[in-house]
């Protein structure tokens, strides 16, 4: 996937509205375990919310780093929550159309 357009990001944020955060990043910040959990959650759900801690700049940096290291797209951040999307590699298992 080459990247999301602003329209696709808006669509994904709308789909994520009713979702609860699946992964929470605690005081220790991003760790190998967090990246592993996010990666697994994306394999199952394609679209997830991640609850971040820290100040605004730190949260934005963490969200971007999560997206980069899990090969996903950052659909947006709302307060302390990041919305991540990664299309399932198998066409028949894809749940979300963008």
N, C-alpha and C. Protein backbone atom coordinates (compact mmCIF):
# COMPACT_ATOMS: atom_id res chain seq x y z
N UNK A 1 0.85 -1.17 0.00
CA UNK A 1 0.00 0.00 0.00
C UNK A 1 0.90 1.24 0.00
N UNK A 2 0.65 2.14 -0.91
CA UNK A 2 1.53 3.29 -1.11
C UNK A 2 1.30 4.40 -0.10
N UNK A 3 0.19 4.45 0.54
CA UNK A 3 -0.14 5.52 1.48
C UNK A 3 -1.61 5.86 1.33
N UNK A 4 -2.14 6.47 2.34
CA UNK A 4 -3.56 6.79 2.34
C UNK A 4 -3.80 8.23 1.93
N UNK A 5 -4.88 8.44 1.19
CA UNK A 5 -5.29 9.80 0.87
C UNK A 5 -6.04 10.37 2.06
N UNK A 6 -6.29 11.66 2.04
CA UNK A 6 -7.01 12.28 3.16
C UNK A 6 -8.44 11.74 3.25
N UNK A 7 -9.06 11.43 2.12
CA UNK A 7 -10.40 10.86 2.12
C UNK A 7 -10.41 9.47 2.75
N UNK A 8 -9.39 8.66 2.44
CA UNK A 8 -9.30 7.33 3.03
C UNK A 8 -9.06 7.41 4.53
N UNK A 9 -8.20 8.35 4.95
CA UNK A 9 -7.95 8.53 6.39
C UNK A 9 -9.24 8.91 7.11
N UNK A 10 -10.01 9.81 6.51
CA UNK A 10 -11.27 10.25 7.11
C UNK A 10 -12.24 9.07 7.23
N UNK A 11 -12.31 8.24 6.21
CA UNK A 11 -13.18 7.06 6.23
C UNK A 11 -12.76 6.11 7.36
N UNK A 12 -11.46 5.88 7.50
CA UNK A 12 -10.95 4.98 8.54
C UNK A 12 -11.21 5.54 9.93
N UNK A 13 -11.04 6.86 10.11
CA UNK A 13 -11.34 7.47 11.40
C UNK A 13 -12.81 7.28 11.76
N UNK A 14 -13.68 7.38 10.76
CA UNK A 14 -15.11 7.16 11.00
C UNK A 14 -15.39 5.72 11.42
N UNK A 15 -14.74 4.77 10.76
CA UNK A 15 -14.91 3.36 11.12
C UNK A 15 -14.38 3.07 12.51
N UNK A 16 -13.33 3.77 12.90
CA UNK A 16 -12.69 3.54 14.20
C UNK A 16 -13.43 4.19 15.35
N UNK A 17 -14.37 5.06 15.06
CA UNK A 17 -15.06 5.82 16.10
C UNK A 17 -15.63 4.93 17.21
N UNK A 18 -16.24 3.83 16.84
CA UNK A 18 -16.89 2.97 17.84
C UNK A 18 -15.95 1.95 18.47
N UNK A 19 -14.71 1.88 18.01
CA UNK A 19 -13.75 0.91 18.55
C UNK A 19 -13.18 1.35 19.89
N UNK A 20 -12.84 0.39 20.71
CA UNK A 20 -12.13 0.64 21.97
C UNK A 20 -10.64 0.40 21.73
N UNK A 21 -9.76 1.10 22.45
CA UNK A 21 -8.33 0.85 22.30
C UNK A 21 -7.98 -0.61 22.66
N UNK A 22 -7.24 -1.26 21.79
CA UNK A 22 -6.85 -2.65 22.00
C UNK A 22 -5.54 -2.74 22.77
N UNK A 23 -4.63 -1.82 22.49
CA UNK A 23 -3.31 -1.83 23.13
C UNK A 23 -3.14 -0.52 23.88
N UNK A 24 -2.56 -0.61 25.06
CA UNK A 24 -2.26 0.60 25.85
C UNK A 24 -0.77 0.68 26.09
N UNK A 25 -0.20 1.85 25.82
CA UNK A 25 1.22 2.08 26.06
C UNK A 25 1.36 2.72 27.43
N UNK A 26 2.08 2.07 28.32
CA UNK A 26 2.21 2.53 29.69
C UNK A 26 3.36 3.50 29.89
N UNK A 27 3.76 3.66 31.15
CA UNK A 27 4.81 4.61 31.53
C UNK A 27 6.16 4.27 30.92
N UNK A 28 6.40 2.98 30.67
CA UNK A 28 7.69 2.58 30.13
C UNK A 28 7.81 2.85 28.64
N UNK A 29 6.74 3.30 28.03
CA UNK A 29 6.76 3.68 26.63
C UNK A 29 6.73 2.50 25.68
N UNK A 30 7.25 2.73 24.49
CA UNK A 30 7.24 1.70 23.46
C UNK A 30 8.31 0.67 23.76
N UNK A 31 7.89 -0.59 23.79
CA UNK A 31 8.83 -1.68 24.02
C UNK A 31 8.60 -2.74 22.94
N UNK A 32 9.44 -3.74 22.93
CA UNK A 32 9.29 -4.82 21.95
C UNK A 32 7.93 -5.50 22.12
N UNK A 33 7.47 -5.63 23.36
CA UNK A 33 6.18 -6.26 23.63
C UNK A 33 5.04 -5.44 23.03
N UNK A 34 5.12 -4.12 23.12
CA UNK A 34 4.08 -3.25 22.56
C UNK A 34 4.04 -3.40 21.04
N UNK A 35 5.20 -3.37 20.40
CA UNK A 35 5.24 -3.52 18.95
C UNK A 35 4.67 -4.88 18.54
N UNK A 36 4.99 -5.92 19.30
CA UNK A 36 4.49 -7.26 19.00
C UNK A 36 2.96 -7.31 19.13
N UNK A 37 2.42 -6.73 20.19
CA UNK A 37 0.97 -6.72 20.41
C UNK A 37 0.25 -5.94 19.31
N UNK A 38 0.79 -4.80 18.95
CA UNK A 38 0.18 -3.99 17.88
C UNK A 38 0.21 -4.76 16.57
N UNK A 39 1.34 -5.40 16.27
CA UNK A 39 1.47 -6.18 15.05
C UNK A 39 0.44 -7.31 14.99
N UNK A 40 0.28 -8.03 16.09
CA UNK A 40 -0.71 -9.11 16.15
C UNK A 40 -2.14 -8.58 16.02
N UNK A 41 -2.43 -7.48 16.68
CA UNK A 41 -3.77 -6.90 16.62
C UNK A 41 -4.11 -6.45 15.20
N UNK A 42 -3.13 -5.89 14.49
CA UNK A 42 -3.36 -5.47 13.11
C UNK A 42 -3.61 -6.67 12.20
N UNK A 43 -2.93 -7.79 12.46
CA UNK A 43 -3.16 -9.00 11.68
C UNK A 43 -4.61 -9.47 11.82
N UNK A 44 -5.15 -9.34 13.01
CA UNK A 44 -6.50 -9.83 13.28
C UNK A 44 -7.57 -8.83 12.85
N UNK A 45 -7.38 -7.55 13.20
CA UNK A 45 -8.45 -6.56 13.06
C UNK A 45 -8.29 -5.59 11.89
N UNK A 46 -7.11 -5.39 11.37
CA UNK A 46 -6.78 -4.42 10.32
C UNK A 46 -6.82 -2.97 10.80
N UNK A 47 -7.81 -2.60 11.58
CA UNK A 47 -7.97 -1.23 12.07
C UNK A 47 -8.06 -1.28 13.59
N UNK A 48 -7.13 -0.59 14.26
CA UNK A 48 -7.11 -0.63 15.73
C UNK A 48 -6.86 0.76 16.30
N UNK A 49 -7.21 0.89 17.58
CA UNK A 49 -6.87 2.09 18.34
C UNK A 49 -5.83 1.70 19.38
N UNK A 50 -4.87 2.60 19.59
CA UNK A 50 -3.83 2.39 20.59
C UNK A 50 -3.84 3.60 21.52
N UNK A 51 -3.95 3.34 22.82
CA UNK A 51 -3.95 4.40 23.84
C UNK A 51 -2.50 4.71 24.21
N UNK A 52 -2.10 5.96 24.04
CA UNK A 52 -0.73 6.40 24.29
C UNK A 52 -0.64 7.24 25.56
N UNK A 53 0.55 7.29 26.14
CA UNK A 53 0.78 8.15 27.30
C UNK A 53 1.84 9.18 26.96
N UNK A 54 2.00 10.17 27.80
CA UNK A 54 2.99 11.21 27.58
C UNK A 54 2.36 12.50 27.08
N UNK A 55 3.22 13.49 26.79
CA UNK A 55 2.71 14.77 26.29
C UNK A 55 2.41 14.68 24.79
N UNK A 56 1.86 15.74 24.24
CA UNK A 56 1.39 15.75 22.85
C UNK A 56 2.47 15.37 21.85
N UNK A 57 3.63 15.99 21.95
CA UNK A 57 4.71 15.71 21.00
C UNK A 57 5.21 14.27 21.13
N UNK A 58 5.30 13.80 22.35
CA UNK A 58 5.75 12.43 22.60
C UNK A 58 4.74 11.43 22.03
N UNK A 59 3.45 11.69 22.23
CA UNK A 59 2.42 10.80 21.71
C UNK A 59 2.45 10.76 20.19
N UNK A 60 2.62 11.91 19.55
CA UNK A 60 2.66 11.95 18.09
C UNK A 60 3.87 11.16 17.57
N UNK A 61 5.02 11.34 18.21
CA UNK A 61 6.22 10.60 17.83
C UNK A 61 6.05 9.10 18.02
N UNK A 62 5.43 8.71 19.13
CA UNK A 62 5.17 7.30 19.40
C UNK A 62 4.23 6.71 18.35
N UNK A 63 3.19 7.46 17.99
CA UNK A 63 2.22 6.98 17.00
C UNK A 63 2.90 6.77 15.65
N UNK A 64 3.74 7.71 15.26
CA UNK A 64 4.45 7.59 13.99
C UNK A 64 5.43 6.42 14.01
N UNK A 65 6.10 6.24 15.14
CA UNK A 65 7.04 5.13 15.28
C UNK A 65 6.31 3.79 15.25
N UNK A 66 5.16 3.70 15.90
CA UNK A 66 4.36 2.48 15.85
C UNK A 66 3.96 2.14 14.42
N UNK A 67 3.50 3.14 13.69
CA UNK A 67 3.10 2.91 12.30
C UNK A 67 4.28 2.44 11.45
N UNK A 68 5.41 3.08 11.64
CA UNK A 68 6.59 2.73 10.85
C UNK A 68 7.07 1.31 11.16
N UNK A 69 7.20 0.98 12.43
CA UNK A 69 7.76 -0.32 12.82
C UNK A 69 6.79 -1.49 12.58
N UNK A 70 5.49 -1.22 12.49
CA UNK A 70 4.52 -2.29 12.24
C UNK A 70 4.07 -2.30 10.78
N UNK A 71 4.66 -1.45 9.95
CA UNK A 71 4.34 -1.35 8.52
C UNK A 71 2.84 -1.08 8.32
N UNK A 72 2.34 -0.16 9.11
CA UNK A 72 0.93 0.21 9.02
C UNK A 72 0.83 1.71 8.68
N UNK A 73 -0.39 2.16 8.50
CA UNK A 73 -0.66 3.56 8.22
C UNK A 73 -1.30 4.22 9.43
N UNK A 74 -0.85 5.41 9.75
CA UNK A 74 -1.45 6.19 10.83
C UNK A 74 -2.64 6.95 10.24
N UNK A 75 -3.85 6.50 10.57
CA UNK A 75 -5.06 7.14 10.04
C UNK A 75 -5.35 8.45 10.76
N UNK A 76 -4.84 8.58 11.98
CA UNK A 76 -5.04 9.82 12.73
C UNK A 76 -4.79 9.62 14.20
N UNK A 77 -4.71 10.74 14.90
CA UNK A 77 -4.61 10.72 16.35
C UNK A 77 -5.70 11.63 16.90
N UNK A 78 -6.32 11.18 17.96
CA UNK A 78 -7.35 11.98 18.62
C UNK A 78 -7.03 11.96 20.10
N UNK A 79 -6.53 13.06 20.62
CA UNK A 79 -6.13 13.12 22.02
C UNK A 79 -5.02 12.14 22.32
N UNK A 80 -5.30 11.17 23.16
CA UNK A 80 -4.28 10.19 23.56
C UNK A 80 -4.40 8.89 22.78
N UNK A 81 -5.21 8.88 21.73
CA UNK A 81 -5.46 7.65 20.97
C UNK A 81 -4.95 7.79 19.54
N UNK A 82 -4.23 6.75 19.09
CA UNK A 82 -3.76 6.68 17.70
C UNK A 82 -4.59 5.62 16.98
N UNK A 83 -4.92 5.89 15.72
CA UNK A 83 -5.67 4.94 14.90
C UNK A 83 -4.73 4.41 13.83
N UNK A 84 -4.52 3.10 13.85
CA UNK A 84 -3.61 2.45 12.91
C UNK A 84 -4.37 1.51 11.99
N UNK A 85 -3.94 1.45 10.72
CA UNK A 85 -4.57 0.59 9.74
C UNK A 85 -3.49 -0.15 8.95
N UNK A 86 -3.70 -1.45 8.77
CA UNK A 86 -2.84 -2.23 7.88
C UNK A 86 -3.72 -3.25 7.18
N UNK A 87 -3.72 -3.17 5.86
CA UNK A 87 -4.53 -4.07 5.05
C UNK A 87 -4.02 -5.50 5.20
N UNK A 88 -4.94 -6.44 5.33
CA UNK A 88 -4.56 -7.85 5.46
C UNK A 88 -3.94 -8.31 4.15
N UNK A 89 -2.84 -9.05 4.21
CA UNK A 89 -2.16 -9.47 2.98
C UNK A 89 -2.98 -10.42 2.12
N UNK A 90 -3.89 -11.19 2.71
CA UNK A 90 -4.72 -12.12 1.96
C UNK A 90 -6.04 -11.45 1.58
N UNK A 91 -6.27 -11.35 0.28
CA UNK A 91 -7.44 -10.62 -0.23
C UNK A 91 -8.76 -11.12 0.37
N UNK A 92 -8.93 -12.44 0.50
CA UNK A 92 -10.21 -12.98 0.99
C UNK A 92 -10.42 -12.72 2.48
N UNK A 93 -9.38 -12.37 3.23
CA UNK A 93 -9.52 -12.11 4.67
C UNK A 93 -9.65 -10.62 4.99
N UNK A 94 -9.66 -9.78 3.99
CA UNK A 94 -9.78 -8.33 4.22
C UNK A 94 -11.19 -7.99 4.66
N UNK A 95 -11.28 -7.21 5.71
CA UNK A 95 -12.58 -6.81 6.26
C UNK A 95 -12.95 -5.39 5.88
N UNK A 96 -11.95 -4.57 5.58
CA UNK A 96 -12.17 -3.15 5.36
C UNK A 96 -11.79 -2.79 3.93
N UNK A 97 -12.65 -2.06 3.26
CA UNK A 97 -12.40 -1.58 1.91
C UNK A 97 -12.07 -0.09 1.99
N UNK A 98 -10.92 0.29 1.46
CA UNK A 98 -10.55 1.71 1.44
C UNK A 98 -10.43 2.21 0.04
